[in-house]
Amino acid sequence: MCVTKIRTERLIDLDQRGAPQQKRAREAFERILAATTDLIDEIGIDRITTINVAERAGVNVSSLYRYFPNKYALVQYLARRLGERQNVAVNAYLETVNPERPWQEVLDGIVDAMVDVSCKERGAVPLQRALLAVPELREEYRRSAEDVGTNLEKFLQRWGVDLPRDRINLIIMSMGECSAAMLDLAVSKGASYNRDVVRELKRVFRGYLETYLHTDN
């Protein structure tokens, strides 16, 4: 899949400006998020503007700027929310899975947890593509993967992978980068995840971790 690269002259302002308090404001806020998701899917992140997001959401553009300085901050919010929900699903799985379960099956379960959340989340596919297009947003995706490390660490130790935390973080980061690329491949030819590609991702995870189970690296 060809991913559009977006170049910027300066660092993009990704800071959210505020959060809605009143019911009407929260409803408008959710319409803004839904409109952003729909427009990313329809025309791509490089072509959407805050103006057409506001028009689609049925709000004044000044209402949008009350919360977000630009479209990239909007996408970051959506990405962070998706990442948090994926992390919750993965951590919930790791907290309840039997520690004696074969490590291959545990890794497969991690992949299934991520994919299941993405399949249920509105606009996860176009949002995933947007994350790969904007460097600042990709950094947000990388940071979200670190949260999984704490629960996965106990399994790594049980499987004989007893490494410093910075190396464990690197393992988690590497798995996250790999999953981002392969999950993008899994949706590159349609609106749903190609299960053959998902199976290949599981094989990649197994092969990668096996190098730590049988070596001293």
Foldseek 3Di string as FASTA:
>chain_A
DDAAADDDPDDDDQDWQDDDDDPVLNLLVVLLLVLLLVCCVVPNPVPDWLVVSCVSSVHDSVSVCNTGVISNNSLLVVLLVLLVQLLVQLLVLLVPDDLPPDPLVNLLSSLVSSQVSLVPDRSSLSSLSNCVRYVVSVVSQLVSQQSNLVSVVVSCVVLVQDDDSVVSSVLSSVLSVLCSVLQNVQPVVHDGGNVVSSVVSSVVNVVVSVVRSPDVD
